[in-house]
Amino acid sequence: MSASADLAIVGGGIVGLATAYRLLRRHPHLRLTVIEKERELATHQSGHNSGVLHAGLYYAPGSLKARLCREGKAALEAFATARGIPFERCGKVVVASTPEEVPRLATLEARARANGVEGLEIIGPERLRELEPFATGLRALHSPTTGIIDFRRVALVYAAEVKRRGGTLRCGHELTGVRQDDGTTVLETSGGEVRARFVIACAGLHSDRVA
């Protein structure tokens, strides 16, 4: 069985589905197909992670990573709020357990403040025990805006949006080969061929094999 599309995305994890969602928002008439080798979406890293909504503590100020972390967290929280996806700003503590580690907290705090992270506070052992009874240390950096979310649930909401906007999701279609045919890219899959003008690979840990 052969199918045609303007654009095919390889990988039905959160990156592939988010990419499909944004492209269909920008180009409503795009014939877009997502192919995923598993029978369900977002079953690899997208569904097996710590679920942290990072506030942006660690990245170098002014870097692309720092900006995208901050902007991405705000955008994801807005998306989740609009669609009823629960998330929690449970906060986070970075603990210095030895005297040598204490000065690093001040450096980390300065970097995080430069990145626009709000509500930061250096705390002592007593406050640390209040926030996390199972943690012990000399000092800690408390980041109250760090949060948690179920990223697989987010991915499945992206998938529903992709379908609602006319995209096609092809699960159980493992990519087995790629070839060019008269200006068209032909994706050979276990569920048949998918012919596309353009291809975006969002294959996670299999990106090297797909490339």
N, C-alpha and C. Protein backbone atom coordinates (compact mmCIF):
# COMPACT_ATOMS: atom_id res chain seq x y z
N MET A 1 0.85 -1.19 0.00
CA MET A 1 0.00 0.00 0.00
C MET A 1 0.89 1.24 0.00
N SER A 2 0.59 2.21 -0.84
CA SER A 2 1.37 3.42 -0.95
C SER A 2 0.53 4.63 -0.57
N ALA A 3 1.14 5.59 0.13
CA ALA A 3 0.45 6.82 0.50
C ALA A 3 1.32 8.00 0.11
N SER A 4 0.70 9.14 -0.14
CA SER A 4 1.43 10.34 -0.55
C SER A 4 1.20 11.46 0.45
N ALA A 5 2.23 12.32 0.61
CA ALA A 5 2.12 13.45 1.53
C ALA A 5 3.04 14.57 1.05
N ASP A 6 2.71 15.77 1.45
CA ASP A 6 3.65 16.87 1.22
C ASP A 6 4.86 16.72 2.13
N LEU A 7 4.59 16.28 3.35
CA LEU A 7 5.64 16.18 4.37
C LEU A 7 5.42 14.94 5.21
N ALA A 8 6.48 14.18 5.41
CA ALA A 8 6.42 13.02 6.31
C ALA A 8 7.37 13.26 7.47
N ILE A 9 6.92 12.94 8.68
CA ILE A 9 7.75 13.05 9.87
C ILE A 9 8.00 11.64 10.38
N VAL A 10 9.27 11.29 10.55
CA VAL A 10 9.65 9.97 11.05
C VAL A 10 9.81 10.07 12.56
N GLY A 11 8.91 9.42 13.30
CA GLY A 11 8.99 9.41 14.75
C GLY A 11 7.76 10.00 15.41
N GLY A 12 7.05 9.17 16.15
CA GLY A 12 5.84 9.60 16.83
C GLY A 12 6.04 9.82 18.31
N GLY A 13 7.17 10.42 18.67
CA GLY A 13 7.39 10.85 20.05
C GLY A 13 6.97 12.31 20.19
N ILE A 14 7.31 12.90 21.33
CA ILE A 14 6.83 14.25 21.59
C ILE A 14 7.43 15.27 20.64
N VAL A 15 8.67 15.07 20.20
CA VAL A 15 9.29 16.01 19.27
C VAL A 15 8.63 15.93 17.90
N GLY A 16 8.42 14.72 17.40
CA GLY A 16 7.77 14.57 16.11
C GLY A 16 6.35 15.08 16.12
N LEU A 17 5.61 14.80 17.18
CA LEU A 17 4.21 15.23 17.26
C LEU A 17 4.09 16.74 17.45
N ALA A 18 4.99 17.32 18.26
CA ALA A 18 4.98 18.77 18.44
C ALA A 18 5.33 19.48 17.13
N THR A 19 6.28 18.92 16.39
CA THR A 19 6.66 19.47 15.09
C THR A 19 5.48 19.42 14.13
N ALA A 20 4.79 18.29 14.10
CA ALA A 20 3.62 18.14 13.23
C ALA A 20 2.52 19.14 13.61
N TYR A 21 2.29 19.29 14.89
CA TYR A 21 1.26 20.21 15.38
C TYR A 21 1.56 21.65 14.95
N ARG A 22 2.78 22.10 15.16
CA ARG A 22 3.13 23.48 14.82
C ARG A 22 3.09 23.72 13.31
N LEU A 23 3.53 22.75 12.53
CA LEU A 23 3.50 22.91 11.08
C LEU A 23 2.07 22.98 10.55
N LEU A 24 1.17 22.17 11.12
CA LEU A 24 -0.22 22.21 10.68
C LEU A 24 -0.91 23.49 11.13
N ARG A 25 -0.50 24.05 12.26
CA ARG A 25 -1.03 25.36 12.65
C ARG A 25 -0.60 26.43 11.66
N ARG A 26 0.64 26.34 11.20
CA ARG A 26 1.17 27.35 10.29
C ARG A 26 0.69 27.13 8.85
N HIS A 27 0.52 25.86 8.46
CA HIS A 27 0.13 25.51 7.09
C HIS A 27 -1.07 24.55 7.15
N PRO A 28 -2.27 25.07 7.31
CA PRO A 28 -3.46 24.22 7.54
C PRO A 28 -3.75 23.24 6.42
N HIS A 29 -3.32 23.52 5.20
CA HIS A 29 -3.64 22.65 4.07
C HIS A 29 -2.52 21.66 3.74
N LEU A 30 -1.53 21.59 4.60
CA LEU A 30 -0.41 20.68 4.39
C LEU A 30 -0.86 19.23 4.54
N ARG A 31 -0.51 18.40 3.58
CA ARG A 31 -0.76 16.95 3.70
C ARG A 31 0.41 16.36 4.47
N LEU A 32 0.16 16.06 5.72
CA LEU A 32 1.24 15.67 6.63
C LEU A 32 0.99 14.29 7.20
N THR A 33 2.04 13.48 7.23
CA THR A 33 1.96 12.12 7.78
C THR A 33 3.07 11.91 8.80
N VAL A 34 2.72 11.33 9.93
CA VAL A 34 3.70 10.91 10.94
C VAL A 34 3.77 9.40 10.91
N ILE A 35 4.97 8.86 10.77
CA ILE A 35 5.11 7.40 10.84
C ILE A 35 5.86 7.02 12.11
N GLU A 36 5.36 5.99 12.77
CA GLU A 36 5.91 5.53 14.05
C GLU A 36 5.98 4.01 14.02
N LYS A 37 7.13 3.47 14.39
CA LYS A 37 7.31 2.02 14.28
C LYS A 37 6.50 1.23 15.32
N GLU A 38 6.28 1.82 16.50
CA GLU A 38 5.52 1.12 17.54
C GLU A 38 4.02 1.22 17.25
N ARG A 39 3.26 0.38 17.91
CA ARG A 39 1.80 0.38 17.69
C ARG A 39 1.12 1.50 18.47
N GLU A 40 1.85 2.13 19.39
CA GLU A 40 1.33 3.28 20.13
C GLU A 40 2.35 4.41 20.03
N LEU A 41 1.89 5.62 20.30
CA LEU A 41 2.74 6.80 20.22
C LEU A 41 3.47 7.05 21.54
N ALA A 42 4.62 7.69 21.43
CA ALA A 42 5.35 8.20 22.60
C ALA A 42 5.64 7.12 23.64
N THR A 43 6.07 5.94 23.18
CA THR A 43 6.32 4.85 24.12
C THR A 43 7.79 4.70 24.49
N HIS A 44 8.67 5.49 23.88
CA HIS A 44 10.09 5.40 24.21
C HIS A 44 10.45 6.51 25.20
N GLN A 45 11.42 7.36 24.88
CA GLN A 45 11.87 8.38 25.83
C GLN A 45 10.76 9.35 26.22
N SER A 46 9.85 9.62 25.31
CA SER A 46 8.75 10.56 25.61
C SER A 46 7.87 10.05 26.75
N GLY A 47 7.81 8.74 26.91
CA GLY A 47 7.00 8.16 27.97
C GLY A 47 7.80 7.59 29.11
N HIS A 48 9.13 7.73 29.06
CA HIS A 48 10.01 7.19 30.11
C HIS A 48 11.05 8.23 30.47
N ASN A 49 10.62 9.26 31.18
CA ASN A 49 11.53 10.31 31.61
C ASN A 49 11.09 10.81 32.97
N SER A 50 11.85 11.72 33.54
CA SER A 50 11.56 12.20 34.90
C SER A 50 10.43 13.22 34.94
N GLY A 51 9.97 13.69 33.77
CA GLY A 51 8.82 14.59 33.73
C GLY A 51 9.08 15.98 34.28
N VAL A 52 10.33 16.42 34.27
CA VAL A 52 10.66 17.71 34.87
C VAL A 52 10.44 18.85 33.88
N LEU A 53 9.76 19.90 34.36
CA LEU A 53 9.65 21.16 33.64
C LEU A 53 10.77 22.06 34.17
N HIS A 54 11.90 22.05 33.49
CA HIS A 54 13.09 22.75 33.98
C HIS A 54 12.90 24.27 33.92
N ALA A 55 13.35 24.94 34.97
CA ALA A 55 13.19 26.39 35.05
C ALA A 55 14.31 27.13 34.33
N GLY A 56 15.46 26.47 34.10
CA GLY A 56 16.57 27.11 33.40
C GLY A 56 17.73 27.48 34.29
N LEU A 57 18.06 26.61 35.25
CA LEU A 57 19.13 26.93 36.20
C LEU A 57 20.53 26.84 35.59
N TYR A 58 20.74 25.89 34.71
CA TYR A 58 22.10 25.46 34.42
C TYR A 58 22.74 26.07 33.17
N TYR A 59 21.94 26.53 32.23
CA TYR A 59 22.49 26.91 30.94
C TYR A 59 23.19 28.27 30.99
N ALA A 60 24.18 28.45 30.12
CA ALA A 60 24.94 29.70 30.07
C ALA A 60 24.02 30.86 29.71
N PRO A 61 24.03 31.94 30.50
CA PRO A 61 23.17 33.10 30.21
C PRO A 61 23.41 33.62 28.79
N GLY A 62 22.31 33.92 28.11
CA GLY A 62 22.40 34.41 26.75
C GLY A 62 22.46 33.33 25.70
N SER A 63 22.58 32.08 26.11
CA SER A 63 22.67 30.98 25.14
C SER A 63 21.28 30.62 24.63
N LEU A 64 21.27 29.95 23.49
CA LEU A 64 20.01 29.50 22.91
C LEU A 64 19.31 28.51 23.84
N LYS A 65 20.08 27.64 24.48
CA LYS A 65 19.49 26.67 25.42
C LYS A 65 18.77 27.38 26.55
N ALA A 66 19.40 28.43 27.09
CA ALA A 66 18.78 29.16 28.20
C ALA A 66 17.49 29.82 27.77
N ARG A 67 17.51 30.46 26.60
CA ARG A 67 16.30 31.16 26.13
C ARG A 67 15.18 30.17 25.81
N LEU A 68 15.51 29.08 25.12
CA LEU A 68 14.48 28.12 24.73
C LEU A 68 13.93 27.36 25.94
N CYS A 69 14.76 27.13 26.94
CA CYS A 69 14.27 26.47 28.16
C CYS A 69 13.23 27.35 28.84
N ARG A 70 13.54 28.62 29.00
CA ARG A 70 12.62 29.54 29.67
C ARG A 70 11.34 29.74 28.85
N GLU A 71 11.50 30.02 27.56
CA GLU A 71 10.33 30.24 26.71
C GLU A 71 9.53 28.95 26.54
N GLY A 72 10.21 27.84 26.41
CA GLY A 72 9.52 26.57 26.21
C GLY A 72 8.71 26.16 27.43
N LYS A 73 9.25 26.39 28.62
CA LYS A 73 8.51 26.06 29.84
C LYS A 73 7.22 26.87 29.91
N ALA A 74 7.30 28.17 29.63
CA ALA A 74 6.11 29.02 29.67
C ALA A 74 5.09 28.60 28.62
N ALA A 75 5.58 28.28 27.42
CA ALA A 75 4.67 27.86 26.34
C ALA A 75 3.99 26.53 26.67
N LEU A 76 4.75 25.61 27.24
CA LEU A 76 4.17 24.31 27.57
C LEU A 76 3.14 24.43 28.70
N GLU A 77 3.44 25.25 29.70
CA GLU A 77 2.48 25.45 30.79
C GLU A 77 1.19 26.09 30.26
N ALA A 78 1.32 27.03 29.32
CA ALA A 78 0.13 27.65 28.73
C ALA A 78 -0.67 26.63 27.92
N PHE A 79 0.03 25.79 27.15
CA PHE A 79 -0.62 24.74 26.37
C PHE A 79 -1.36 23.77 27.29
N ALA A 80 -0.68 23.35 28.37
CA ALA A 80 -1.29 22.41 29.30
C ALA A 80 -2.51 23.01 29.99
N THR A 81 -2.42 24.27 30.39
CA THR A 81 -3.55 24.93 31.05
C THR A 81 -4.75 25.02 30.12
N ALA A 82 -4.51 25.36 28.86
CA ALA A 82 -5.60 25.52 27.90
C ALA A 82 -6.29 24.20 27.59
N ARG A 83 -5.59 23.09 27.75
CA ARG A 83 -6.15 21.79 27.36
C ARG A 83 -6.38 20.86 28.54
N GLY A 84 -6.28 21.37 29.74
CA GLY A 84 -6.61 20.58 30.92
C GLY A 84 -5.60 19.50 31.25
N ILE A 85 -4.35 19.69 30.87
CA ILE A 85 -3.30 18.73 31.22
C ILE A 85 -2.72 19.16 32.57
N PRO A 86 -2.79 18.32 33.58
CA PRO A 86 -2.29 18.75 34.89
C PRO A 86 -0.77 18.85 34.93
N PHE A 87 -0.28 19.84 35.63
CA PHE A 87 1.15 19.94 35.94
C PHE A 87 1.28 20.58 37.31
N GLU A 88 2.44 20.47 37.90
CA GLU A 88 2.64 20.98 39.26
C GLU A 88 3.98 21.69 39.35
N ARG A 89 3.98 22.90 39.88
CA ARG A 89 5.22 23.60 40.19
C ARG A 89 5.63 23.17 41.61
N CYS A 90 6.22 22.02 41.69
CA CYS A 90 6.55 21.42 42.99
C CYS A 90 7.86 21.96 43.56
N GLY A 91 8.65 22.62 42.72
CA GLY A 91 9.92 23.15 43.18
C GLY A 91 11.03 22.11 43.16
N LYS A 92 12.23 22.59 43.37
CA LYS A 92 13.41 21.74 43.29
C LYS A 92 14.48 22.30 44.22
N VAL A 93 15.28 21.42 44.83
CA VAL A 93 16.41 21.86 45.63
C VAL A 93 17.69 21.26 45.06
N VAL A 94 18.70 22.10 44.88
CA VAL A 94 20.03 21.65 44.50
C VAL A 94 20.89 21.74 45.75
N VAL A 95 21.37 20.60 46.22
CA VAL A 95 21.94 20.51 47.56
C VAL A 95 23.46 20.46 47.52
N ALA A 96 24.10 21.26 48.38
CA ALA A 96 25.55 21.18 48.62
C ALA A 96 25.77 20.33 49.86
N SER A 97 26.38 19.20 49.69
CA SER A 97 26.55 18.28 50.81
C SER A 97 27.95 18.35 51.42
N THR A 98 28.88 19.06 50.78
CA THR A 98 30.23 19.24 51.33
C THR A 98 30.60 20.73 51.29
N PRO A 99 31.55 21.16 52.12
CA PRO A 99 31.96 22.58 52.11
C PRO A 99 32.44 23.05 50.74
N GLU A 100 33.08 22.15 49.98
CA GLU A 100 33.59 22.52 48.67
C GLU A 100 32.47 22.85 47.68
N GLU A 101 31.29 22.30 47.92
CA GLU A 101 30.19 22.52 47.00
C GLU A 101 29.39 23.79 47.29
N VAL A 102 29.56 24.35 48.48
CA VAL A 102 28.76 25.52 48.87
C VAL A 102 28.97 26.72 47.93
N PRO A 103 30.23 27.08 47.58
CA PRO A 103 30.40 28.23 46.68
C PRO A 103 29.75 28.02 45.31
N ARG A 104 29.62 26.79 44.89
CA ARG A 104 29.03 26.51 43.58
C ARG A 104 27.55 26.90 43.54
N LEU A 105 26.89 26.87 44.70
CA LEU A 105 25.48 27.26 44.74
C LEU A 105 25.32 28.73 44.38
N ALA A 106 26.24 29.58 44.88
CA ALA A 106 26.17 31.00 44.57
C ALA A 106 26.39 31.23 43.08
N THR A 107 27.31 30.48 42.50
CA THR A 107 27.55 30.59 41.06
C THR A 107 26.33 30.15 40.27
N LEU A 108 25.72 29.05 40.71
CA LEU A 108 24.53 28.55 40.04
C LEU A 108 23.36 29.52 40.19
N GLU A 109 23.23 30.12 41.38
CA GLU A 109 22.17 31.10 41.59
C GLU A 109 22.35 32.30 40.67
N ALA A 110 23.56 32.79 40.55
CA ALA A 110 23.83 33.94 39.69
C ALA A 110 23.50 33.62 38.24
N ARG A 111 23.87 32.43 37.79
CA ARG A 111 23.58 32.01 36.42
C ARG A 111 22.07 31.92 36.21
N ALA A 112 21.36 31.33 37.17
CA ALA A 112 19.92 31.16 37.04
C ALA A 112 19.19 32.52 37.03
N ARG A 113 19.63 33.44 37.88
CA ARG A 113 19.02 34.78 37.91
C ARG A 113 19.25 35.49 36.57
N ALA A 114 20.44 35.32 36.01
CA ALA A 114 20.72 35.92 34.70
C ALA A 114 19.83 35.33 33.62
N ASN A 115 19.36 34.10 33.83
CA ASN A 115 18.46 33.45 32.88
C ASN A 115 16.99 33.81 33.11
N GLY A 116 16.74 34.63 34.14
CA GLY A 116 15.37 35.05 34.40
C GLY A 116 14.56 34.11 35.26
N VAL A 117 15.22 33.19 35.94
CA VAL A 117 14.50 32.26 36.83
C VAL A 117 14.06 33.01 38.07
N GLU A 118 12.80 32.90 38.43
CA GLU A 118 12.23 33.67 39.54
C GLU A 118 12.16 32.86 40.83
N GLY A 119 12.15 33.59 41.95
CA GLY A 119 11.89 32.99 43.25
C GLY A 119 13.04 32.22 43.86
N LEU A 120 14.24 32.34 43.34
CA LEU A 120 15.38 31.58 43.84
C LEU A 120 15.77 32.00 45.24
N GLU A 121 16.26 31.02 46.02
CA GLU A 121 16.65 31.32 47.40
C GLU A 121 17.69 30.31 47.86
N ILE A 122 18.77 30.82 48.46
CA ILE A 122 19.74 29.95 49.14
C ILE A 122 19.19 29.66 50.53
N ILE A 123 19.10 28.40 50.89
CA ILE A 123 18.48 28.01 52.16
C ILE A 123 19.46 27.16 52.98
N GLY A 124 19.20 27.11 54.28
CA GLY A 124 20.00 26.31 55.18
C GLY A 124 19.38 24.95 55.46
N PRO A 125 20.01 24.17 56.34
CA PRO A 125 19.56 22.80 56.62
C PRO A 125 18.12 22.73 57.14
N GLU A 126 17.71 23.70 57.98
CA GLU A 126 16.37 23.63 58.57
C GLU A 126 15.29 23.76 57.49
N ARG A 127 15.44 24.78 56.63
CA ARG A 127 14.47 24.98 55.55
C ARG A 127 14.52 23.82 54.57
N LEU A 128 15.70 23.29 54.33
CA LEU A 128 15.83 22.13 53.44
C LEU A 128 15.04 20.95 53.96
N ARG A 129 15.11 20.71 55.26
CA ARG A 129 14.35 19.60 55.84
C ARG A 129 12.85 19.82 55.71
N GLU A 130 12.41 21.09 55.82
CA GLU A 130 10.99 21.39 55.64
C GLU A 130 10.52 21.06 54.23
N LEU A 131 11.35 21.38 53.26
CA LEU A 131 10.96 21.16 51.86
C LEU A 131 11.11 19.71 51.45
N GLU A 132 12.19 19.08 51.89
CA GLU A 132 12.47 17.69 51.52
C GLU A 132 13.11 16.97 52.70
N PRO A 133 12.26 16.29 53.52
CA PRO A 133 12.75 15.64 54.74
C PRO A 133 13.82 14.59 54.50
N PHE A 134 13.90 14.04 53.30
CA PHE A 134 14.87 12.98 53.04
C PHE A 134 16.19 13.50 52.47
N ALA A 135 16.33 14.82 52.37
CA ALA A 135 17.58 15.41 51.88
C ALA A 135 18.33 16.06 53.03
N THR A 136 19.65 15.91 53.04
CA THR A 136 20.49 16.55 54.04
C THR A 136 21.63 17.28 53.32
N GLY A 137 22.02 18.43 53.84
CA GLY A 137 23.10 19.17 53.24
C GLY A 137 23.43 20.41 54.04
N LEU A 138 24.52 21.06 53.67
CA LEU A 138 24.96 22.27 54.36
C LEU A 138 24.18 23.50 53.89
N ARG A 139 23.92 23.57 52.60
CA ARG A 139 23.16 24.64 51.98
C ARG A 139 22.42 24.04 50.78
N ALA A 140 21.45 24.79 50.28
CA ALA A 140 20.76 24.33 49.07
C ALA A 140 20.22 25.54 48.31
N LEU A 141 20.07 25.39 47.02
CA LEU A 141 19.42 26.39 46.19
C LEU A 141 18.00 25.90 45.90
N HIS A 142 17.01 26.69 46.33
CA HIS A 142 15.61 26.32 46.12
C HIS A 142 15.08 27.05 44.89
N SER A 143 14.55 26.27 43.95
CA SER A 143 13.92 26.82 42.74
C SER A 143 12.44 26.47 42.78
N PRO A 144 11.58 27.35 43.26
CA PRO A 144 10.17 27.01 43.45
C PRO A 144 9.37 26.89 42.16
N THR A 145 9.89 27.39 41.03
CA THR A 145 9.11 27.35 39.79
C THR A 145 9.39 26.12 38.95
N THR A 146 10.37 25.31 39.34
CA THR A 146 10.59 24.04 38.65
C THR A 146 9.35 23.17 38.84
N GLY A 147 8.95 22.46 37.80
CA GLY A 147 7.71 21.69 37.88
C GLY A 147 7.84 20.29 37.32
N ILE A 148 6.72 19.59 37.32
CA ILE A 148 6.63 18.25 36.74
C ILE A 148 5.35 18.15 35.91
N ILE A 149 5.41 17.30 34.87
CA ILE A 149 4.28 17.09 33.98
C ILE A 149 4.42 15.70 33.36
N ASP A 150 3.33 15.13 32.91
CA ASP A 150 3.35 13.83 32.22
C ASP A 150 3.56 14.11 30.72
N PHE A 151 4.79 13.94 30.25
CA PHE A 151 5.09 14.29 28.87
C PHE A 151 4.42 13.36 27.86
N ARG A 152 4.15 12.12 28.23
CA ARG A 152 3.43 11.25 27.29
C ARG A 152 1.99 11.76 27.11
N ARG A 153 1.40 12.23 28.18
CA ARG A 153 0.06 12.79 28.06
C ARG A 153 0.08 14.03 27.16
N VAL A 154 1.11 14.85 27.30
CA VAL A 154 1.25 16.01 26.42
C VAL A 154 1.37 15.54 24.97
N ALA A 155 2.19 14.52 24.74
CA ALA A 155 2.39 14.02 23.38
C ALA A 155 1.09 13.51 22.77
N LEU A 156 0.27 12.84 23.57
CA LEU A 156 -0.99 12.31 23.05
C LEU A 156 -1.99 13.43 22.74
N VAL A 157 -1.92 14.53 23.48
CA VAL A 157 -2.75 15.69 23.16
C VAL A 157 -2.27 16.33 21.86
N TYR A 158 -0.95 16.41 21.68
CA TYR A 158 -0.42 16.87 20.39
C TYR A 158 -0.96 16.00 19.26
N ALA A 159 -0.94 14.67 19.47
CA ALA A 159 -1.41 13.74 18.43
C ALA A 159 -2.87 14.00 18.09
N ALA A 160 -3.69 14.23 19.11
CA ALA A 160 -5.11 14.51 18.86
C ALA A 160 -5.27 15.80 18.06
N GLU A 161 -4.43 16.80 18.35
CA GLU A 161 -4.46 18.05 17.60
C GLU A 161 -4.04 17.84 16.14
N VAL A 162 -3.04 17.00 15.94
CA VAL A 162 -2.58 16.70 14.58
C VAL A 162 -3.71 16.05 13.77
N LYS A 163 -4.40 15.09 14.37
CA LYS A 163 -5.51 14.44 13.68
C LYS A 163 -6.64 15.42 13.42
N ARG A 164 -6.94 16.26 14.39
CA ARG A 164 -8.02 17.22 14.24
C ARG A 164 -7.74 18.20 13.11
N ARG A 165 -6.47 18.47 12.87
CA ARG A 165 -6.08 19.42 11.84
C ARG A 165 -5.79 18.74 10.49
N GLY A 166 -6.14 17.46 10.38
CA GLY A 166 -6.05 16.78 9.10
C GLY A 166 -4.80 15.95 8.88
N GLY A 167 -3.92 15.89 9.87
CA GLY A 167 -2.73 15.06 9.73
C GLY A 167 -3.05 13.58 9.88
N THR A 168 -2.15 12.75 9.38
CA THR A 168 -2.31 11.30 9.44
C THR A 168 -1.24 10.70 10.34
N LEU A 169 -1.63 9.82 11.24
CA LEU A 169 -0.71 9.13 12.14
C LEU A 169 -0.67 7.65 11.75
N ARG A 170 0.49 7.17 11.40
CA ARG A 170 0.63 5.78 10.96
C ARG A 170 1.51 5.02 11.96
N CYS A 171 0.87 4.41 12.95
CA CYS A 171 1.59 3.58 13.92
C CYS A 171 1.83 2.19 13.34
N GLY A 172 2.82 1.49 13.87
CA GLY A 172 3.14 0.17 13.34
C GLY A 172 3.79 0.23 11.98
N HIS A 173 4.38 1.37 11.64
CA HIS A 173 5.06 1.56 10.35
C HIS A 173 6.56 1.77 10.62
N GLU A 174 7.30 0.68 10.73
CA GLU A 174 8.74 0.79 10.97
C GLU A 174 9.46 1.15 9.68
N LEU A 175 10.29 2.17 9.76
CA LEU A 175 11.06 2.58 8.59
C LEU A 175 12.13 1.54 8.28
N THR A 176 12.12 1.03 7.05
CA THR A 176 13.10 0.00 6.66
C THR A 176 14.02 0.47 5.54
N GLY A 177 13.67 1.56 4.86
CA GLY A 177 14.53 2.05 3.78
C GLY A 177 14.05 3.39 3.27
N VAL A 178 14.96 4.11 2.63
CA VAL A 178 14.65 5.41 2.05
C VAL A 178 15.28 5.47 0.66
N ARG A 179 14.52 5.94 -0.31
CA ARG A 179 15.09 6.10 -1.64
C ARG A 179 14.46 7.31 -2.33
N GLN A 180 15.12 7.79 -3.35
CA GLN A 180 14.62 8.90 -4.15
C GLN A 180 14.01 8.36 -5.44
N ASP A 181 12.90 8.93 -5.83
CA ASP A 181 12.22 8.50 -7.05
C ASP A 181 11.61 9.72 -7.74
N ASP A 182 12.31 10.22 -8.76
CA ASP A 182 11.81 11.33 -9.57
C ASP A 182 11.45 12.55 -8.72
N GLY A 183 12.38 12.95 -7.83
CA GLY A 183 12.18 14.13 -7.01
C GLY A 183 11.34 13.91 -5.77
N THR A 184 10.90 12.70 -5.54
CA THR A 184 10.09 12.37 -4.36
C THR A 184 10.89 11.42 -3.46
N THR A 185 10.79 11.64 -2.15
CA THR A 185 11.41 10.71 -1.20
C THR A 185 10.43 9.60 -0.88
N VAL A 186 10.87 8.37 -1.05
CA VAL A 186 10.02 7.21 -0.77
C VAL A 186 10.51 6.57 0.53
N LEU A 187 9.63 6.57 1.53
CA LEU A 187 9.93 5.91 2.79
C LEU A 187 9.36 4.50 2.75
N GLU A 188 10.22 3.53 2.80
CA GLU A 188 9.77 2.14 2.81
C GLU A 188 9.53 1.73 4.27
N THR A 189 8.32 1.31 4.58
CA THR A 189 7.99 0.94 5.95
C THR A 189 7.36 -0.45 5.99
N SER A 190 7.26 -0.98 7.18
CA SER A 190 6.65 -2.29 7.36
C SER A 190 5.15 -2.28 7.05
N GLY A 191 4.56 -1.07 6.93
CA GLY A 191 3.14 -0.95 6.60
C GLY A 191 2.90 -0.44 5.19
N GLY A 192 3.95 -0.41 4.36
CA GLY A 192 3.81 0.08 3.00
C GLY A 192 4.65 1.33 2.78
N GLU A 193 4.66 1.81 1.55
CA GLU A 193 5.45 2.97 1.19
C GLU A 193 4.71 4.27 1.49
N VAL A 194 5.49 5.26 1.90
CA VAL A 194 4.98 6.62 2.06
C VAL A 194 5.85 7.52 1.19
N ARG A 195 5.23 8.18 0.23
CA ARG A 195 5.95 9.08 -0.68
C ARG A 195 5.72 10.52 -0.21
N ALA A 196 6.81 11.28 -0.11
CA ALA A 196 6.69 12.63 0.42
C ALA A 196 7.64 13.58 -0.31
N ARG A 197 7.21 14.83 -0.43
CA ARG A 197 8.08 15.85 -1.01
C ARG A 197 9.21 16.20 -0.05
N PHE A 198 8.89 16.24 1.24
CA PHE A 198 9.89 16.57 2.25
C PHE A 198 9.77 15.60 3.41
N VAL A 199 10.90 15.38 4.10
CA VAL A 199 10.94 14.47 5.25
C VAL A 199 11.66 15.16 6.40
N ILE A 200 11.10 15.05 7.61
CA ILE A 200 11.76 15.51 8.83
C ILE A 200 11.95 14.29 9.73
N ALA A 201 13.17 14.06 10.16
CA ALA A 201 13.46 12.93 11.04
C ALA A 201 13.44 13.38 12.49
N CYS A 202 12.55 12.80 13.29
CA CYS A 202 12.46 13.06 14.74
C CYS A 202 12.48 11.71 15.45
N ALA A 203 13.54 10.95 15.20
CA ALA A 203 13.55 9.54 15.59
C ALA A 203 14.28 9.26 16.90
N GLY A 204 14.55 10.30 17.69
CA GLY A 204 15.10 10.08 19.02
C GLY A 204 16.41 9.30 19.00
N LEU A 205 16.47 8.24 19.78
CA LEU A 205 17.69 7.44 19.89
C LEU A 205 18.02 6.69 18.62
N HIS A 206 17.10 6.67 17.66
CA HIS A 206 17.35 6.01 16.37
C HIS A 206 17.68 7.03 15.29
N SER A 207 17.94 8.27 15.66
CA SER A 207 18.20 9.32 14.67
C SER A 207 19.40 8.99 13.79
N ASP A 208 20.45 8.40 14.38
CA ASP A 208 21.63 8.09 13.58
C ASP A 208 21.32 7.04 12.52
N ARG A 209 20.52 6.04 12.86
CA ARG A 209 20.15 5.00 11.91
C ARG A 209 19.27 5.57 10.81
N VAL A 210 18.33 6.45 11.18
CA VAL A 210 17.46 7.06 10.17
C VAL A 210 18.28 7.93 9.22
N ALA A 211 19.20 8.73 9.80
CA ALA A 211 20.05 9.58 8.97
C ALA A 211 20.91 8.76 8.01
